[in-house]
Amino acid sequence: MKSSTEDQIKGNLHELKGNVKEKAGQVTNNPKLENEGQDEKLAGKVQKKVGQIEEVLEK
């Protein structure tokens, strides 16, 4: 598997995991968990974008 595809998949997983953490933090009224979720979601978006850029550069 190409590294660009791998980055996109891992980015999606981080986004999903961050979303779950963020929602869990909201439900449990835990701002720390909510912030961790937001951070992980952002990291996932960045990683996904890096994978997309790598894919364009490989062509």
Protein backbone atom coordinates (compact mmCIF):
# COMPACT_ATOMS: atom_id res chain seq x y z
CA MET A 1 0.00 0.00 0.00
CA LYS A 2 1.27 3.47 -0.84
CA SER A 3 2.25 5.71 2.03
CA SER A 4 -0.17 8.37 0.82
CA THR A 5 -3.10 5.95 1.05
CA GLU A 6 -1.88 4.76 4.43
CA ASP A 7 -1.73 8.35 5.71
CA GLN A 8 -5.25 9.01 4.50
CA ILE A 9 -6.60 5.89 6.21
CA LYS A 10 -4.78 6.64 9.47
CA GLY A 11 -6.02 10.23 9.28
CA ASN A 12 -9.60 9.03 8.95
CA LEU A 13 -9.16 6.73 11.94
CA HIS A 14 -7.73 9.55 14.06
CA GLU A 15 -10.62 11.80 13.06
CA LEU A 16 -13.14 9.13 14.00
CA LYS A 17 -11.42 8.40 17.31
CA GLY A 18 -11.23 12.13 18.07
CA ASN A 19 -14.91 12.52 17.30
CA VAL A 20 -15.79 9.75 19.75
CA LYS A 21 -13.59 11.27 22.47
CA GLU A 22 -15.07 14.71 21.89
CA LYS A 23 -18.65 13.43 22.14
CA ALA A 24 -17.80 11.35 25.22
CA GLY A 25 -16.32 14.44 26.84
CA GLN A 26 -19.46 16.43 26.08
CA VAL A 27 -21.76 13.72 27.45
CA THR A 28 -19.73 13.21 30.63
CA ASN A 29 -19.10 16.94 31.03
CA ASN A 30 -15.34 16.32 30.89
CA PRO A 31 -13.65 19.28 29.15
CA LYS A 32 -10.23 17.57 29.20
CA LEU A 33 -11.53 14.57 27.24
CA GLU A 34 -13.43 16.88 24.90
CA ASN A 35 -10.24 18.86 24.18
CA GLU A 36 -8.25 15.68 23.62
CA GLY A 37 -10.86 14.62 21.09
CA GLN A 38 -10.69 17.95 19.28
CA ASP A 39 -6.89 17.74 19.16
CA GLU A 40 -6.93 14.19 17.82
CA LYS A 41 -9.57 15.11 15.25
CA LEU A 42 -7.41 17.99 14.04
CA ALA A 43 -4.33 15.75 13.88
CA GLY A 44 -6.34 13.29 11.79
CA LYS A 45 -7.39 16.01 9.36
CA VAL A 46 -3.77 17.12 8.98
CA GLN A 47 -2.56 13.56 8.42
CA LYS A 48 -5.29 12.95 5.86
CA LYS A 49 -4.35 16.14 4.01
CA VAL A 50 -0.67 15.13 4.01
CA GLY A 51 -1.67 11.85 2.39
CA GLN A 52 -3.67 13.68 -0.26
CA ILE A 53 -0.74 15.98 -1.02
CA GLU A 54 1.65 13.02 -1.25
CA GLU A 55 -0.75 11.32 -3.66
CA VAL A 56 -0.75 14.36 -5.94
CA LEU A 57 3.04 14.62 -5.83
CA GLU A 58 3.46 10.91 -6.71
CA LYS A 59 1.65 11.40 -10.03
